[in-house]
Amino acid sequence: MLFYPTYFSPIIQYAAIAKAKDITFEICDNYQKQTYRTRCYIYSPNGLQLLNVPIKHMSGRQKTADVKIDYTFNWQALHKKSLDAAYRSSPYYEFYEDEIIGFFEQKHTFLLDLNIKTFELISEIMEWNRKVSKTISYEKVYPNKDDFRFLADAKTKRDFGLSPYPQVFSYRHGFLPNLSVLDVLFNLGPEAEGYLENSGDKIELQ
């Protein structure tokens, strides 16, 4: 299965990964705006909240592998504070707090490295042992792989028919589907893996 590495990816991407044995990350593409490479969504007390990773913009086209993170603004502190406000009262926040909040103490120069590290962190928490490879050149079509790169597109909001699960602030704003995988992890804990596996059947290739 082929994916773009994204930042604490949406639930639907991890639902596909949960069904996969082998994973290939596309790392040879040109950087595109408005994707989950630089953002994720969480459920805050006020509803849907965007967490954005700032990057250093260059003129002209740029390979995703060359995109650098901008630390001029302390976005990591903001992400930690936002996650704490959103999930401190969730059932499993304290269970995963050290691993996930501690993750923001690390600094990565390149966006690609950050995103792959988020995948490795979630895989470690889920106790997954997927075979992971990376592309060596960009191909528009991979005839021998199920291509899930479209899941990185943040412009088109889709709920993919995901089943509701308990969320901290659902009594205020209702169920919000396909948030960052962190949402299902903090709310369902060990049951998150089963939820992801069951949700994987809802994805249709494009």
Protein backbone atom coordinates (compact mmCIF):
# COMPACT_ATOMS: atom_id res chain seq x y z
CA MET A 1 0.00 0.00 0.00
CA LEU A 2 1.27 3.44 -0.96
CA PHE A 3 0.89 6.52 1.26
CA TYR A 4 2.22 10.03 1.72
CA PRO A 5 3.75 10.51 5.17
CA THR A 6 1.52 13.03 6.95
CA TYR A 7 1.46 14.73 10.34
CA PHE A 8 -0.34 12.57 12.92
CA SER A 9 -2.42 11.36 10.01
CA PRO A 10 -6.22 11.29 9.84
CA ILE A 11 -8.02 8.24 11.17
CA ILE A 12 -8.87 7.00 7.68
CA GLN A 13 -5.19 6.79 6.72
CA TYR A 14 -4.42 4.71 9.78
CA ALA A 15 -7.49 2.61 9.05
CA ALA A 16 -5.89 1.70 5.73
CA ILE A 17 -2.53 1.11 7.40
CA ALA A 18 -4.19 -1.17 9.96
CA LYS A 19 -5.23 -3.47 7.10
CA ALA A 20 -1.80 -3.42 5.44
CA LYS A 21 1.10 -5.82 5.76
CA ASP A 22 3.54 -3.81 3.67
CA ILE A 23 3.67 -0.01 3.51
CA THR A 24 5.47 2.20 1.01
CA PHE A 25 5.90 5.90 1.68
CA GLU A 26 6.05 8.28 -1.27
CA ILE A 27 9.04 10.56 -0.64
CA CYS A 28 9.96 11.64 -4.19
CA ASP A 29 7.03 13.95 -4.93
CA ASN A 30 6.91 17.72 -5.26
CA TYR A 31 5.56 19.49 -2.21
CA GLN A 32 1.88 20.40 -2.40
CA LYS A 33 -0.05 22.86 -0.25
CA GLN A 34 -3.28 22.09 1.58
CA THR A 35 -2.43 18.53 2.53
CA TYR A 36 -2.10 16.70 5.82
CA ARG A 37 1.68 16.90 5.49
CA THR A 38 1.62 20.08 7.56
CA ARG A 39 -1.59 19.78 9.54
CA CYS A 40 -3.88 17.66 11.61
CA TYR A 41 -7.26 18.27 13.21
CA ILE A 42 -8.23 17.63 16.81
CA TYR A 43 -11.41 18.04 18.87
CA SER A 44 -10.98 21.07 21.13
CA PRO A 45 -13.46 22.45 23.68
CA ASN A 46 -14.58 24.85 20.93
CA GLY A 47 -14.93 22.15 18.28
CA LEU A 48 -12.70 21.41 15.30
CA GLN A 49 -9.17 22.76 15.74
CA LEU A 50 -6.33 22.87 13.24
CA LEU A 51 -2.77 22.18 14.35
CA ASN A 52 -0.36 23.46 11.73
CA VAL A 53 3.36 22.80 11.23
CA PRO A 54 5.00 25.94 9.77
CA ILE A 55 7.53 25.44 7.00
CA LYS A 56 10.22 27.52 5.35
CA HIS A 57 8.83 28.50 1.97
CA MET A 58 11.10 28.56 -1.06
CA SER A 59 10.48 30.03 -4.49
CA GLY A 60 9.55 27.61 -7.25
CA ARG A 61 8.86 23.93 -6.94
CA GLN A 62 10.32 22.06 -4.05
CA LYS A 63 10.68 18.38 -3.32
CA THR A 64 8.78 17.30 -0.23
CA ALA A 65 11.97 15.68 1.03
CA ASP A 66 13.68 19.10 0.97
CA VAL A 67 11.01 21.02 2.90
CA LYS A 68 12.34 22.38 6.19
CA ILE A 69 10.34 23.15 9.31
CA ASP A 70 10.23 26.75 10.54
CA TYR A 71 10.90 27.09 14.28
CA THR A 72 10.66 30.90 14.35
CA PHE A 73 7.37 30.41 16.19
CA ASN A 74 7.23 27.83 18.98
CA TRP A 75 4.53 25.73 17.33
CA GLN A 76 5.48 22.67 19.37
CA ALA A 77 4.50 24.41 22.61
CA LEU A 78 1.19 25.41 21.03
CA HIS A 79 0.50 21.85 19.89
CA LYS A 80 1.26 20.48 23.35
CA LYS A 81 -0.98 23.06 25.01
CA SER A 82 -3.78 22.42 22.51
CA LEU A 83 -3.63 18.65 22.96
CA ASP A 84 -3.67 19.03 26.73
CA ALA A 85 -6.74 21.30 26.60
CA ALA A 86 -8.50 18.97 24.17
CA TYR A 87 -7.76 15.60 25.73
CA ARG A 88 -6.75 16.03 29.37
CA SER A 89 -10.16 14.69 30.42
CA SER A 90 -10.24 11.86 27.86
CA PRO A 91 -10.05 8.29 29.19
CA TYR A 92 -6.54 7.51 27.94
CA TYR A 93 -4.71 10.83 27.81
CA GLU A 94 -2.59 10.15 30.88
CA PHE A 95 -1.86 6.65 29.62
CA TYR A 96 -0.18 7.98 26.45
CA GLU A 97 0.84 11.42 27.68
CA ASP A 98 4.53 10.76 28.25
CA GLU A 99 5.07 9.26 24.80
CA ILE A 100 3.00 11.68 22.75
CA ILE A 101 3.55 14.95 24.58
CA GLY A 102 7.20 14.04 25.06
CA PHE A 103 7.45 13.68 21.28
CA PHE A 104 7.26 17.47 20.97
CA GLU A 105 10.54 17.88 22.82
CA GLN A 106 12.32 16.63 19.69
CA LYS A 107 13.23 18.92 16.82
CA HIS A 108 13.43 17.73 13.23
CA THR A 109 14.95 19.80 10.46
CA PHE A 110 12.89 18.29 7.67
CA LEU A 111 9.11 17.93 7.48
CA LEU A 112 9.39 14.46 5.97
CA ASP A 113 11.40 13.19 8.93
CA LEU A 114 8.85 14.63 11.37
CA ASN A 115 5.95 12.95 9.62
CA ILE A 116 7.65 9.58 9.42
CA LYS A 117 8.50 9.85 13.11
CA THR A 118 4.82 10.41 13.95
CA PHE A 119 4.05 7.19 12.07
CA GLU A 120 6.77 5.33 13.96
CA LEU A 121 5.43 6.63 17.28
CA ILE A 122 1.86 5.54 16.55
CA SER A 123 3.12 2.17 15.27
CA GLU A 124 5.05 1.67 18.50
CA ILE A 125 2.00 2.50 20.60
CA MET A 126 -0.15 0.14 18.51
CA GLU A 127 2.60 -2.50 18.65
CA TRP A 128 2.55 -2.79 14.87
CA ASN A 129 5.41 -4.36 12.98
CA ARG A 130 4.67 -3.41 9.39
CA LYS A 131 7.29 -3.76 6.68
CA VAL A 132 8.02 -0.18 5.57
CA SER A 133 9.79 0.97 2.42
CA LYS A 134 10.22 4.27 0.58
CA THR A 135 9.96 5.17 -3.07
CA ILE A 136 13.14 5.83 -5.04
CA SER A 137 11.46 7.80 -7.84
CA TYR A 138 8.10 9.45 -8.42
CA GLU A 139 5.51 7.60 -10.47
CA LYS A 140 2.03 8.89 -11.14
CA VAL A 141 0.68 5.35 -11.25
CA TYR A 142 1.93 2.28 -9.42
CA PRO A 143 0.18 -0.66 -11.09
CA ASN A 144 1.30 -3.16 -8.45
CA LYS A 145 0.35 -1.16 -5.36
CA ASP A 146 -2.92 -0.03 -3.80
CA ASP A 147 -2.50 3.74 -4.01
CA PHE A 148 -3.78 5.64 -0.97
CA ARG A 149 -1.87 8.86 -1.61
CA PHE A 150 -5.17 10.68 -2.12
CA LEU A 151 -5.82 10.41 1.62
CA ALA A 152 -3.25 13.18 2.19
CA ASP A 153 -5.49 15.74 0.46
CA ALA A 154 -6.93 18.09 3.09
CA LYS A 155 -8.94 20.22 0.65
CA THR A 156 -11.78 17.73 0.31
CA LYS A 157 -13.43 16.94 3.63
CA ARG A 158 -14.94 13.46 3.74
CA ASP A 159 -16.15 11.45 6.69
CA PHE A 160 -15.79 8.09 4.86
CA GLY A 161 -18.80 6.79 6.77
CA LEU A 162 -16.74 6.33 9.92
CA SER A 163 -18.68 4.96 12.87
CA PRO A 164 -19.15 7.29 15.86
CA TYR A 165 -17.15 6.64 19.02
CA PRO A 166 -17.13 8.55 22.34
CA GLN A 167 -15.42 11.96 22.12
CA VAL A 168 -14.84 14.30 25.04
CA PHE A 169 -16.81 17.26 23.72
CA SER A 170 -19.41 15.47 21.61
CA TYR A 171 -22.10 16.72 24.01
CA ARG A 172 -21.32 20.22 22.71
CA HIS A 173 -20.61 19.77 19.02
CA GLY A 174 -21.65 16.22 18.11
CA PHE A 175 -19.42 13.56 16.58
CA LEU A 176 -16.52 14.85 14.47
CA PRO A 177 -15.22 12.15 12.07
CA ASN A 178 -11.78 11.54 10.61
CA LEU A 179 -9.75 13.66 12.98
CA SER A 180 -6.11 12.96 13.74
CA VAL A 181 -5.39 9.42 14.86
CA LEU A 182 -4.59 11.00 18.24
CA ASP A 183 -8.30 11.57 18.80
CA VAL A 184 -9.25 7.92 18.54
CA LEU A 185 -6.19 6.92 20.56
CA PHE A 186 -6.93 9.22 23.50
CA ASN A 187 -10.63 8.31 23.49
CA LEU A 188 -10.51 4.56 22.85
CA GLY A 189 -7.07 3.53 24.04
CA PRO A 190 -6.38 -0.17 23.36
CA GLU A 191 -9.68 -0.43 21.48
CA ALA A 192 -8.40 2.05 18.88
CA GLU A 193 -6.73 -0.69 16.85
CA GLY A 194 -9.98 -2.62 16.46
CA TYR A 195 -11.80 0.56 15.47
CA LEU A 196 -9.18 1.29 12.81
CA GLU A 197 -9.28 -2.25 11.43
CA ASN A 198 -13.08 -2.14 11.15
CA SER A 199 -12.91 1.28 9.49
CA GLY A 200 -10.44 0.12 6.85
CA ASP A 201 -13.22 -1.54 4.88
CA LYS A 202 -14.84 1.85 4.25
CA ILE A 203 -12.07 3.14 1.96
CA GLU A 204 -12.47 3.02 -1.79
CA LEU A 205 -9.45 3.48 -4.02
CA GLN A 206 -9.51 6.44 -6.38
